[in-house]
Amino acid sequence: MEGIIDIVGKEQFEQEVLKSAVPVLVDFWAPWCTPCLMMAPILAKIQEELAGTAKIVKVNTEEPDNMPIAVEYKIMSIPNMKIFKAGELVKEIIGLRPKDYVMQELQNV
């Protein structure tokens, strides 16, 4: 998943997501989540196609440093993708979705 950043901790989340100059899709996931694993190559393809105009980061909800982020953004089920623009949460996508759907949601922010 080249180009996709794995977030570890609130400081990195703030820098990579909230202070980003481009829209950011945050993929909240866990290693045991089959739909999350199925979503990964779709997100990698989107990252490749939108390089420079948007970015994708991953937040492993099982990592202790990431749990406060998951709580803050009320992650109740995964995969849960949240789109941020100019530091603000603007969209949420829950569940396994096709590439075209996610791409459209990300481009329309």
PDB file of N, CA and C in Angstrom:
ATOM      1  N   MET A   1       0.832  -1.183   0.000  1.00  0.00           N
ATOM      2  CA  MET A   1       0.000   0.000   0.000  1.00  0.00           C
ATOM      3  C   MET A   1       0.874   1.243   0.000  1.00  0.00           C
ATOM      4  N   GLU A   2       1.685   1.321  -0.994  1.00  0.00           N
ATOM      5  CA  GLU A   2       2.609   2.435  -1.111  1.00  0.00           C
ATOM      6  C   GLU A   2       1.855   3.759  -1.189  1.00  0.00           C
ATOM      7  N   GLY A   3       2.346   4.745  -0.482  1.00  0.00           N
ATOM      8  CA  GLY A   3       1.734   6.058  -0.501  1.00  0.00           C
ATOM      9  C   GLY A   3       0.702   6.268   0.592  1.00  0.00           C
ATOM     10  N   ILE A   4       0.249   5.183   1.197  1.00  0.00           N
ATOM     11  CA  ILE A   4      -0.731   5.300   2.269  1.00  0.00           C
ATOM     12  C   ILE A   4       0.028   5.330   3.590  1.00  0.00           C
ATOM     13  N   ILE A   5      -0.306   6.289   4.422  1.00  0.00           N
ATOM     14  CA  ILE A   5       0.393   6.483   5.685  1.00  0.00           C
ATOM     15  C   ILE A   5      -0.325   5.738   6.806  1.00  0.00           C
ATOM     16  N   ASP A   6       0.430   4.990   7.583  1.00  0.00           N
ATOM     17  CA  ASP A   6      -0.108   4.349   8.780  1.00  0.00           C
ATOM     18  C   ASP A   6       0.070   5.306   9.948  1.00  0.00           C
ATOM     19  N   ILE A   7      -1.047   5.765  10.504  1.00  0.00           N
ATOM     20  CA  ILE A   7      -1.022   6.724  11.604  1.00  0.00           C
ATOM     21  C   ILE A   7      -0.782   5.984  12.921  1.00  0.00           C
ATOM     22  N   VAL A   8       0.085   6.551  13.728  1.00  0.00           N
ATOM     23  CA  VAL A   8       0.285   6.040  15.076  1.00  0.00           C
ATOM     24  C   VAL A   8       0.268   7.237  16.017  1.00  0.00           C
ATOM     25  N   GLY A   9      -0.833   7.400  16.717  1.00  0.00           N
ATOM     26  CA  GLY A   9      -0.922   8.439  17.735  1.00  0.00           C
ATOM     27  C   GLY A   9      -1.552   9.735  17.279  1.00  0.00           C
ATOM     28  N   LYS A  10      -1.999  10.484  18.264  1.00  0.00           N
ATOM     29  CA  LYS A  10      -2.741  11.728  18.053  1.00  0.00           C
ATOM     30  C   LYS A  10      -1.908  12.814  17.373  1.00  0.00           C
ATOM     31  N   GLU A  11      -0.623  12.917  17.701  1.00  0.00           N
ATOM     32  CA  GLU A  11       0.224  13.953  17.102  1.00  0.00           C
ATOM     33  C   GLU A  11       0.374  13.734  15.599  1.00  0.00           C
ATOM     34  N   GLN A  12       0.614  12.498  15.217  1.00  0.00           N
ATOM     35  CA  GLN A  12       0.751  12.203  13.790  1.00  0.00           C
ATOM     36  C   GLN A  12      -0.588  12.407  13.072  1.00  0.00           C
ATOM     37  N   PHE A  13      -1.706  12.053  13.731  1.00  0.00           N
ATOM     38  CA  PHE A  13      -3.031  12.265  13.159  1.00  0.00           C
ATOM     39  C   PHE A  13      -3.259  13.752  12.897  1.00  0.00           C
ATOM     40  N   GLU A  14      -2.915  14.569  13.862  1.00  0.00           N
ATOM     41  CA  GLU A  14      -3.088  16.014  13.705  1.00  0.00           C
ATOM     42  C   GLU A  14      -2.278  16.534  12.523  1.00  0.00           C
ATOM     43  N   GLN A  15      -1.028  16.108  12.433  1.00  0.00           N
ATOM     44  CA  GLN A  15      -0.142  16.582  11.368  1.00  0.00           C
ATOM     45  C   GLN A  15      -0.594  16.093   9.991  1.00  0.00           C
ATOM     46  N   GLU A  16      -0.885  14.803   9.870  1.00  0.00           N
ATOM     47  CA  GLU A  16      -1.185  14.200   8.572  1.00  0.00           C
ATOM     48  C   GLU A  16      -2.622  14.430   8.102  1.00  0.00           C
ATOM     49  N   VAL A  17      -3.550  14.621   9.043  1.00  0.00           N
ATOM     50  CA  VAL A  17      -4.965  14.734   8.680  1.00  0.00           C
ATOM     51  C   VAL A  17      -5.478  16.159   8.881  1.00  0.00           C
ATOM     52  N   LEU A  18      -5.432  16.630  10.110  1.00  0.00           N
ATOM     53  CA  LEU A  18      -6.062  17.906  10.425  1.00  0.00           C
ATOM     54  C   LEU A  18      -5.329  19.103   9.826  1.00  0.00           C
ATOM     55  N   LYS A  19      -4.029  18.974   9.602  1.00  0.00           N
ATOM     56  CA  LYS A  19      -3.253  20.079   9.032  1.00  0.00           C
ATOM     57  C   LYS A  19      -2.914  19.867   7.558  1.00  0.00           C
ATOM     58  N   SER A  20      -3.537  18.895   6.920  1.00  0.00           N
ATOM     59  CA  SER A  20      -3.251  18.584   5.521  1.00  0.00           C
ATOM     60  C   SER A  20      -3.780  19.667   4.586  1.00  0.00           C
ATOM     61  N   ALA A  21      -3.016  19.940   3.545  1.00  0.00           N
ATOM     62  CA  ALA A  21      -3.419  20.918   2.534  1.00  0.00           C
ATOM     63  C   ALA A  21      -4.397  20.315   1.520  1.00  0.00           C
ATOM     64  N   VAL A  22      -4.491  19.004   1.493  1.00  0.00           N
ATOM     65  CA  VAL A  22      -5.402  18.319   0.571  1.00  0.00           C
ATOM     66  C   VAL A  22      -6.419  17.503   1.372  1.00  0.00           C
ATOM     67  N   PRO A  23      -7.566  17.153   0.774  1.00  0.00           N
ATOM     68  CA  PRO A  23      -8.511  16.283   1.473  1.00  0.00           C
ATOM     69  C   PRO A  23      -7.864  14.959   1.859  1.00  0.00           C
ATOM     70  N   VAL A  24      -8.297  14.411   3.000  1.00  0.00           N
ATOM     71  CA  VAL A  24      -7.719  13.166   3.520  1.00  0.00           C
ATOM     72  C   VAL A  24      -8.838  12.184   3.835  1.00  0.00           C
ATOM     73  N   LEU A  25      -8.693  10.966   3.331  1.00  0.00           N
ATOM     74  CA  LEU A  25      -9.582   9.877   3.713  1.00  0.00           C
ATOM     75  C   LEU A  25      -8.859   9.082   4.790  1.00  0.00           C
ATOM     76  N   VAL A  26      -9.480   8.963   5.955  1.00  0.00           N
ATOM     77  CA  VAL A  26      -8.906   8.205   7.060  1.00  0.00           C
ATOM     78  C   VAL A  26      -9.634   6.871   7.131  1.00  0.00           C
ATOM     79  N   ASP A  27      -8.872   5.799   6.962  1.00  0.00           N
ATOM     80  CA  ASP A  27      -9.417   4.441   7.007  1.00  0.00           C
ATOM     81  C   ASP A  27      -9.187   3.879   8.412  1.00  0.00           C
ATOM     82  N   PHE A  28     -10.261   3.799   9.202  1.00  0.00           N
ATOM     83  CA  PHE A  28     -10.188   3.168  10.522  1.00  0.00           C
ATOM     84  C   PHE A  28     -10.399   1.683  10.309  1.00  0.00           C
ATOM     85  N   TRP A  29      -9.443   0.865  10.750  1.00  0.00           N
ATOM     86  CA  TRP A  29      -9.463  -0.559  10.457  1.00  0.00           C
ATOM     87  C   TRP A  29      -8.836  -1.354  11.588  1.00  0.00           C
ATOM     88  N   ALA A  30      -8.855  -2.677  11.455  1.00  0.00           N
ATOM     89  CA  ALA A  30      -8.165  -3.576  12.385  1.00  0.00           C
ATOM     90  C   ALA A  30      -7.698  -4.800  11.596  1.00  0.00           C
ATOM     91  N   PRO A  31      -6.592  -5.412  12.016  1.00  0.00           N
ATOM     92  CA  PRO A  31      -6.030  -6.541  11.277  1.00  0.00           C
ATOM     93  C   PRO A  31      -6.942  -7.770  11.197  1.00  0.00           C
ATOM     94  N   TRP A  32      -7.849  -7.937  12.127  1.00  0.00           N
ATOM     95  CA  TRP A  32      -8.733  -9.096  12.139  1.00  0.00           C
ATOM     96  C   TRP A  32      -9.989  -8.896  11.291  1.00  0.00           C
ATOM     97  N   CYS A  33     -10.189  -7.697  10.765  1.00  0.00           N
ATOM     98  CA  CYS A  33     -11.411  -7.319  10.040  1.00  0.00           C
ATOM     99  C   CYS A  33     -11.281  -7.664   8.553  1.00  0.00           C
ATOM    100  N   THR A  34     -11.975  -8.712   8.130  1.00  0.00           N
ATOM    101  CA  THR A  34     -11.895  -9.151   6.734  1.00  0.00           C
ATOM    102  C   THR A  34     -12.348  -8.068   5.755  1.00  0.00           C
ATOM    103  N   PRO A  35     -13.485  -7.400   5.974  1.00  0.00           N
ATOM    104  CA  PRO A  35     -13.845  -6.325   5.043  1.00  0.00           C
ATOM    105  C   PRO A  35     -12.791  -5.211   4.988  1.00  0.00           C
ATOM    106  N   CYS A  36     -12.132  -4.947   6.109  1.00  0.00           N
ATOM    107  CA  CYS A  36     -11.055  -3.941   6.126  1.00  0.00           C
ATOM    108  C   CYS A  36      -9.914  -4.377   5.216  1.00  0.00           C
ATOM    109  N   LEU A  37      -9.558  -5.652   5.294  1.00  0.00           N
ATOM    110  CA  LEU A  37      -8.475  -6.181   4.469  1.00  0.00           C
ATOM    111  C   LEU A  37      -8.862  -6.169   2.994  1.00  0.00           C
ATOM    112  N   MET A  38     -10.131  -6.382   2.708  1.00  0.00           N
ATOM    113  CA  MET A  38     -10.618  -6.328   1.334  1.00  0.00           C
ATOM    114  C   MET A  38     -10.627  -4.889   0.811  1.00  0.00           C
ATOM    115  N   MET A  39     -10.801  -3.934   1.683  1.00  0.00           N
ATOM    116  CA  MET A  39     -10.831  -2.514   1.319  1.00  0.00           C
ATOM    117  C   MET A  39      -9.424  -1.995   1.002  1.00  0.00           C
ATOM    118  N   ALA A  40      -8.405  -2.584   1.596  1.00  0.00           N
ATOM    119  CA  ALA A  40      -7.033  -2.082   1.473  1.00  0.00           C
ATOM    120  C   ALA A  40      -6.556  -1.930   0.026  1.00  0.00           C
ATOM    121  N   PRO A  41      -6.693  -2.936  -0.843  1.00  0.00           N
ATOM    122  CA  PRO A  41      -6.211  -2.738  -2.221  1.00  0.00           C
ATOM    123  C   PRO A  41      -7.035  -1.700  -2.996  1.00  0.00           C
ATOM    124  N   ILE A  42      -8.298  -1.556  -2.650  1.00  0.00           N
ATOM    125  CA  ILE A  42      -9.141  -0.538  -3.279  1.00  0.00           C
ATOM    126  C   ILE A  42      -8.604   0.847  -2.914  1.00  0.00           C
ATOM    127  N   LEU A  43      -8.292   1.044  -1.640  1.00  0.00           N
ATOM    128  CA  LEU A  43      -7.761   2.331  -1.188  1.00  0.00           C
ATOM    129  C   LEU A  43      -6.388   2.606  -1.786  1.00  0.00           C
ATOM    130  N   ALA A  44      -5.583   1.567  -1.934  1.00  0.00           N
ATOM    131  CA  ALA A  44      -4.259   1.734  -2.542  1.00  0.00           C
ATOM    132  C   ALA A  44      -4.388   2.228  -3.983  1.00  0.00           C
ATOM    133  N   LYS A  45      -5.331   1.691  -4.714  1.00  0.00           N
ATOM    134  CA  LYS A  45      -5.563   2.111  -6.100  1.00  0.00           C
ATOM    135  C   LYS A  45      -6.045   3.561  -6.143  1.00  0.00           C
ATOM    136  N   ILE A  46      -6.948   3.921  -5.242  1.00  0.00           N
ATOM    137  CA  ILE A  46      -7.437   5.295  -5.180  1.00  0.00           C
ATOM    138  C   ILE A  46      -6.295   6.257  -4.863  1.00  0.00           C
ATOM    139  N   GLN A  47      -5.453   5.879  -3.898  1.00  0.00           N
ATOM    140  CA  GLN A  47      -4.306   6.725  -3.527  1.00  0.00           C
ATOM    141  C   GLN A  47      -3.405   6.950  -4.736  1.00  0.00           C
ATOM    142  N   GLU A  48      -3.180   5.898  -5.496  1.00  0.00           N
ATOM    143  CA  GLU A  48      -2.335   5.989  -6.684  1.00  0.00           C
ATOM    144  C   GLU A  48      -2.945   6.958  -7.706  1.00  0.00           C
ATOM    145  N   GLU A  49      -4.247   6.859  -7.919  1.00  0.00           N
ATOM    146  CA  GLU A  49      -4.919   7.682  -8.923  1.00  0.00           C
ATOM    147  C   GLU A  49      -5.079   9.140  -8.490  1.00  0.00           C
ATOM    148  N   LEU A  50      -5.201   9.384  -7.201  1.00  0.00           N
ATOM    149  CA  LEU A  50      -5.437  10.742  -6.711  1.00  0.00           C
ATOM    150  C   LEU A  50      -4.196  11.386  -6.090  1.00  0.00           C
ATOM    151  N   ALA A  51      -3.039  10.786  -6.276  1.00  0.00           N
ATOM    152  CA  ALA A  51      -1.799  11.306  -5.680  1.00  0.00           C
ATOM    153  C   ALA A  51      -1.647  12.796  -5.977  1.00  0.00           C
ATOM    154  N   GLY A  52      -1.422  13.566  -4.911  1.00  0.00           N
ATOM    155  CA  GLY A  52      -1.230  14.999  -5.040  1.00  0.00           C
ATOM    156  C   GLY A  52      -2.493  15.816  -4.841  1.00  0.00           C
ATOM    157  N   THR A  53      -3.667  15.219  -5.096  1.00  0.00           N
ATOM    158  CA  THR A  53      -4.919  15.957  -4.943  1.00  0.00           C
ATOM    159  C   THR A  53      -5.689  15.530  -3.703  1.00  0.00           C
ATOM    160  N   ALA A  54      -5.346  14.371  -3.169  1.00  0.00           N
ATOM    161  CA  ALA A  54      -5.956  13.842  -1.941  1.00  0.00           C
ATOM    162  C   ALA A  54      -4.997  12.796  -1.397  1.00  0.00           C
ATOM    163  N   LYS A  55      -5.206  12.417  -0.137  1.00  0.00           N
ATOM    164  CA  LYS A  55      -4.365  11.353   0.410  1.00  0.00           C
ATOM    165  C   LYS A  55      -5.189  10.454   1.312  1.00  0.00           C
ATOM    166  N   ILE A  56      -4.640   9.265   1.534  1.00  0.00           N
ATOM    167  CA  ILE A  56      -5.293   8.266   2.377  1.00  0.00           C
ATOM    168  C   ILE A  56      -4.340   7.893   3.498  1.00  0.00           C
ATOM    169  N   VAL A  57      -4.879   7.847   4.700  1.00  0.00           N
ATOM    170  CA  VAL A  57      -4.115   7.381   5.849  1.00  0.00           C
ATOM    171  C   VAL A  57      -4.917   6.282   6.532  1.00  0.00           C
ATOM    172  N   LYS A  58      -4.219   5.411   7.240  1.00  0.00           N
ATOM    173  CA  LYS A  58      -4.860   4.306   7.940  1.00  0.00           C
ATOM    174  C   LYS A  58      -4.649   4.463   9.437  1.00  0.00           C
ATOM    175  N   VAL A  59      -5.701   4.157  10.200  1.00  0.00           N
ATOM    176  CA  VAL A  59      -5.624   4.184  11.653  1.00  0.00           C
ATOM    177  C   VAL A  59      -6.067   2.811  12.152  1.00  0.00           C
ATOM    178  N   ASN A  60      -5.099   2.043  12.664  1.00  0.00           N
ATOM    179  CA  ASN A  60      -5.389   0.723  13.227  1.00  0.00           C
ATOM    180  C   ASN A  60      -6.021   0.931  14.602  1.00  0.00           C
ATOM    181  N   THR A  61      -7.307   0.629  14.704  1.00  0.00           N
ATOM    182  CA  THR A  61      -8.040   0.878  15.947  1.00  0.00           C
ATOM    183  C   THR A  61      -7.594  -0.029  17.089  1.00  0.00           C
ATOM    184  N   GLU A  62      -6.795  -1.043  16.793  1.00  0.00           N
ATOM    185  CA  GLU A  62      -6.301  -1.954  17.826  1.00  0.00           C
ATOM    186  C   GLU A  62      -5.028  -1.453  18.506  1.00  0.00           C
ATOM    187  N   GLU A  63      -4.362  -0.481  17.890  1.00  0.00           N
ATOM    188  CA  GLU A  63      -3.135   0.066  18.471  1.00  0.00           C
ATOM    189  C   GLU A  63      -3.495   0.951  19.663  1.00  0.00           C
ATOM    190  N   PRO A  64      -2.874   0.730  20.825  1.00  0.00           N
ATOM    191  CA  PRO A  64      -3.196   1.533  22.010  1.00  0.00           C
ATOM    192  C   PRO A  64      -3.081   3.039  21.778  1.00  0.00           C
ATOM    193  N   ASP A  65      -2.081   3.480  21.014  1.00  0.00           N
ATOM    194  CA  ASP A  65      -1.903   4.911  20.758  1.00  0.00           C
ATOM    195  C   ASP A  65      -3.029   5.489  19.898  1.00  0.00           C
ATOM    196  N   ASN A  66      -3.738   4.622  19.177  1.00  0.00           N
ATOM    197  CA  ASN A  66      -4.801   5.089  18.283  1.00  0.00           C
ATOM    198  C   ASN A  66      -6.192   5.014  18.901  1.00  0.00           C
ATOM    199  N   MET A  67      -6.328   4.331  20.011  1.00  0.00           N
ATOM    200  CA  MET A  67      -7.650   4.176  20.620  1.00  0.00           C
ATOM    201  C   MET A  67      -8.319   5.514  20.950  1.00  0.00           C
ATOM    202  N   PRO A  68      -7.579   6.513  21.463  1.00  0.00           N
ATOM    203  CA  PRO A  68      -8.229   7.802  21.716  1.00  0.00           C
ATOM    204  C   PRO A  68      -8.778   8.453  20.437  1.00  0.00           C
ATOM    205  N   ILE A  69      -8.108   8.244  19.319  1.00  0.00           N
ATOM    206  CA  ILE A  69      -8.591   8.790  18.047  1.00  0.00           C
ATOM    207  C   ILE A  69      -9.898   8.102  17.658  1.00  0.00           C
ATOM    208  N   ALA A  70      -9.927   6.776  17.778  1.00  0.00           N
ATOM    209  CA  ALA A  70     -11.137   6.017  17.452  1.00  0.00           C
ATOM    210  C   ALA A  70     -12.306   6.432  18.336  1.00  0.00           C
ATOM    211  N   VAL A  71     -12.040   6.686  19.598  1.00  0.00           N
ATOM    212  CA  VAL A  71     -13.094   7.122  20.524  1.00  0.00           C
ATOM    213  C   VAL A  71     -13.565   8.529  20.137  1.00  0.00           C
ATOM    214  N   GLU A  72     -12.623   9.421  19.874  1.00  0.00           N
ATOM    215  CA  GLU A  72     -12.979  10.801  19.529  1.00  0.00           C
ATOM    216  C   GLU A  72     -13.882  10.872  18.298  1.00  0.00           C
ATOM    217  N   TYR A  73     -13.620  10.013  17.311  1.00  0.00           N
ATOM    218  CA  TYR A  73     -14.407  10.036  16.078  1.00  0.00           C
ATOM    219  C   TYR A  73     -15.516   8.983  16.065  1.00  0.00           C
ATOM    220  N   LYS A  74     -15.816   8.457  17.244  1.00  0.00           N
ATOM    221  CA  LYS A  74     -16.961   7.561  17.459  1.00  0.00           C
ATOM    222  C   LYS A  74     -16.991   6.378  16.485  1.00  0.00           C
ATOM    223  N   ILE A  75     -15.872   5.680  16.408  1.00  0.00           N
ATOM    224  CA  ILE A  75     -15.791   4.506  15.543  1.00  0.00           C
ATOM    225  C   ILE A  75     -16.480   3.346  16.254  1.00  0.00           C
ATOM    226  N   MET A  76     -17.616   2.944  15.716  1.00  0.00           N
ATOM    227  CA  MET A  76     -18.406   1.858  16.304  1.00  0.00           C
ATOM    228  C   MET A  76     -18.328   0.582  15.481  1.00  0.00           C
ATOM    229  N   SER A  77     -18.039   0.720  14.182  1.00  0.00           N
ATOM    230  CA  SER A  77     -17.880  -0.442  13.319  1.00  0.00           C
ATOM    231  C   SER A  77     -16.824  -0.114  12.275  1.00  0.00           C
ATOM    232  N   ILE A  78     -16.186  -1.150  11.775  1.00  0.00           N
ATOM    233  CA  ILE A  78     -15.135  -0.963  10.779  1.00  0.00           C
ATOM    234  C   ILE A  78     -15.386  -1.919   9.615  1.00  0.00           C
ATOM    235  N   PRO A  79     -14.917  -1.617   8.413  1.00  0.00           N
ATOM    236  CA  PRO A  79     -14.176  -0.412   8.067  1.00  0.00           C
ATOM    237  C   PRO A  79     -15.057   0.824   8.166  1.00  0.00           C
ATOM    238  N   ASN A  80     -14.427   1.881   8.617  1.00  0.00           N
ATOM    239  CA  ASN A  80     -15.086   3.171   8.736  1.00  0.00           C
ATOM    240  C   ASN A  80     -14.112   4.185   8.153  1.00  0.00           C
ATOM    241  N   MET A  81     -14.540   4.842   7.102  1.00  0.00           N
ATOM    242  CA  MET A  81     -13.686   5.819   6.439  1.00  0.00           C
ATOM    243  C   MET A  81     -14.291   7.204   6.630  1.00  0.00           C
ATOM    244  N   LYS A  82     -13.466   8.101   7.101  1.00  0.00           N
ATOM    245  CA  LYS A  82     -13.914   9.476   7.313  1.00  0.00           C
ATOM    246  C   LYS A  82     -13.072  10.381   6.423  1.00  0.00           C
ATOM    247  N   ILE A  83     -13.737  11.334   5.791  1.00  0.00           N
ATOM    248  CA  ILE A  83     -13.052  12.259   4.897  1.00  0.00           C
ATOM    249  C   ILE A  83     -12.978  13.620   5.569  1.00  0.00           C
ATOM    250  N   PHE A  84     -11.757  14.153   5.611  1.00  0.00           N
ATOM    251  CA  PHE A  84     -11.492  15.449   6.216  1.00  0.00           C
ATOM    252  C   PHE A  84     -11.030  16.424   5.135  1.00  0.00           C
ATOM    253  N   LYS A  85     -11.493  17.665   5.262  1.00  0.00           N
ATOM    254  CA  LYS A  85     -11.036  18.729   4.366  1.00  0.00           C
ATOM    255  C   LYS A  85     -10.790  19.959   5.223  1.00  0.00           C
ATOM    256  N   ALA A  86      -9.616  20.535   5.095  1.00  0.00           N
ATOM    257  CA  ALA A  86      -9.225  21.723   5.868  1.00  0.00           C
ATOM    258  C   ALA A  86      -9.406  21.486   7.370  1.00  0.00           C
ATOM    259  N   GLY A  87      -9.086  20.263   7.817  1.00  0.00           N
ATOM    260  CA  GLY A  87      -9.141  19.939   9.229  1.00  0.00           C
ATOM    261  C   GLY A  87     -10.515  19.595   9.766  1.00  0.00           C
ATOM    262  N   GLU A  88     -11.526  19.620   8.911  1.00  0.00           N
ATOM    263  CA  GLU A  88     -12.902  19.342   9.332  1.00  0.00           C
ATOM    264  C   GLU A  88     -13.395  18.021   8.764  1.00  0.00           C
ATOM    265  N   LEU A  89     -14.126  17.276   9.575  1.00  0.00           N
ATOM    266  CA  LEU A  89     -14.764  16.045   9.122  1.00  0.00           C
ATOM    267  C   LEU A  89     -15.931  16.427   8.218  1.00  0.00           C
ATOM    268  N   VAL A  90     -15.912  15.938   6.959  1.00  0.00           N
ATOM    269  CA  VAL A  90     -16.958  16.329   6.017  1.00  0.00           C
ATOM    270  C   VAL A  90     -17.814  15.161   5.523  1.00  0.00           C
ATOM    271  N   LYS A  91     -17.300  13.922   5.589  1.00  0.00           N
ATOM    272  CA  LYS A  91     -18.063  12.759   5.134  1.00  0.00           C
ATOM    273  C   LYS A  91     -17.637  11.518   5.886  1.00  0.00           C
ATOM    274  N   GLU A  92     -18.555  10.535   5.902  1.00  0.00           N
ATOM    275  CA  GLU A  92     -18.269   9.247   6.519  1.00  0.00           C
ATOM    276  C   GLU A  92     -18.764   8.144   5.594  1.00  0.00           C
ATOM    277  N   ILE A  93     -17.949   7.123   5.427  1.00  0.00           N
ATOM    278  CA  ILE A  93     -18.306   5.955   4.632  1.00  0.00           C
ATOM    279  C   ILE A  93     -18.110   4.752   5.535  1.00  0.00           C
ATOM    280  N   ILE A  94     -19.169   3.980   5.746  1.00  0.00           N
ATOM    281  CA  ILE A  94     -19.075   2.813   6.616  1.00  0.00           C
ATOM    282  C   ILE A  94     -19.249   1.555   5.787  1.00  0.00           C
ATOM    283  N   GLY A  95     -18.348   0.599   6.013  1.00  0.00           N
ATOM    284  CA  GLY A  95     -18.449  -0.695   5.347  1.00  0.00           C
ATOM    285  C   GLY A  95     -17.639  -0.781   4.070  1.00  0.00           C
ATOM    286  N   LEU A  96     -17.566  -1.985   3.551  1.00  0.00           N
ATOM    287  CA  LEU A  96     -16.852  -2.271   2.309  1.00  0.00           C
ATOM    288  C   LEU A  96     -17.598  -1.606   1.159  1.00  0.00           C
ATOM    289  N   ARG A  97     -16.891  -0.806   0.376  1.00  0.00           N
ATOM    290  CA  ARG A  97     -17.501  -0.087  -0.743  1.00  0.00           C
ATOM    291  C   ARG A  97     -16.655  -0.258  -1.995  1.00  0.00           C
ATOM    292  N   PRO A  98     -17.280  -0.189  -3.169  1.00  0.00           N
ATOM    293  CA  PRO A  98     -16.507  -0.287  -4.407  1.00  0.00           C
ATOM    294  C   PRO A  98     -15.661   0.959  -4.642  1.00  0.00           C
ATOM    295  N   LYS A  99     -14.626   0.790  -5.432  1.00  0.00           N
ATOM    296  CA  LYS A  99     -13.674   1.865  -5.716  1.00  0.00           C
ATOM    297  C   LYS A  99     -14.375   3.111  -6.255  1.00  0.00           C
ATOM    298  N   ASP A 100     -15.257   2.951  -7.223  1.00  0.00           N
ATOM    299  CA  ASP A 100     -15.908   4.105  -7.840  1.00  0.00           C
ATOM    300  C   ASP A 100     -16.694   4.927  -6.824  1.00  0.00           C
ATOM    301  N   TYR A 101     -17.348   4.252  -5.903  1.00  0.00           N
ATOM    302  CA  TYR A 101     -18.127   4.941  -4.875  1.00  0.00           C
ATOM    303  C   TYR A 101     -17.212   5.786  -3.983  1.00  0.00           C
ATOM    304  N   VAL A 102     -16.141   5.177  -3.493  1.00  0.00           N
ATOM    305  CA  VAL A 102     -15.211   5.887  -2.591  1.00  0.00           C
ATOM    306  C   VAL A 102     -14.531   7.030  -3.337  1.00  0.00           C
ATOM    307  N   MET A 103     -14.124   6.782  -4.566  1.00  0.00           N
ATOM    308  CA  MET A 103     -13.469   7.806  -5.378  1.00  0.00           C
ATOM    309  C   MET A 103     -14.399   9.013  -5.571  1.00  0.00           C
ATOM    310  N   GLN A 104     -15.650   8.751  -5.876  1.00  0.00           N
ATOM    311  CA  GLN A 104     -16.617   9.832  -6.075  1.00  0.00           C
ATOM    312  C   GLN A 104     -16.818  10.644  -4.788  1.00  0.00           C
ATOM    313  N   GLU A 105     -16.961   9.939  -3.673  1.00  0.00           N
ATOM    314  CA  GLU A 105     -17.140  10.636  -2.394  1.00  0.00           C
ATOM    315  C   GLU A 105     -15.943  11.517  -2.060  1.00  0.00           C
ATOM    316  N   LEU A 106     -14.756  11.025  -2.336  1.00  0.00           N
ATOM    317  CA  LEU A 106     -13.532  11.770  -2.029  1.00  0.00           C
ATOM    318  C   LEU A 106     -13.367  12.966  -2.975  1.00  0.00           C
ATOM    319  N   GLN A 107     -13.711  12.788  -4.220  1.00  0.00           N
ATOM    320  CA  GLN A 107     -13.557  13.877  -5.196  1.00  0.00           C
ATOM    321  C   GLN A 107     -14.626  14.961  -5.021  1.00  0.00           C
ATOM    322  N   ASN A 108     -15.742  14.628  -4.398  1.00  0.00           N
ATOM    323  CA  ASN A 108     -16.835  15.589  -4.259  1.00  0.00           C
ATOM    324  C   ASN A 108     -16.760  16.444  -2.989  1.00  0.00           C
ATOM    325  N   VAL A 109     -15.639  16.414  -2.282  1.00  0.00           N
ATOM    326  CA  VAL A 109     -15.525  17.257  -1.081  1.00  0.00           C
ATOM    327  C   VAL A 109     -14.855  18.568  -1.417  1.00  0.00           C
TER     328      VAL A 109
END
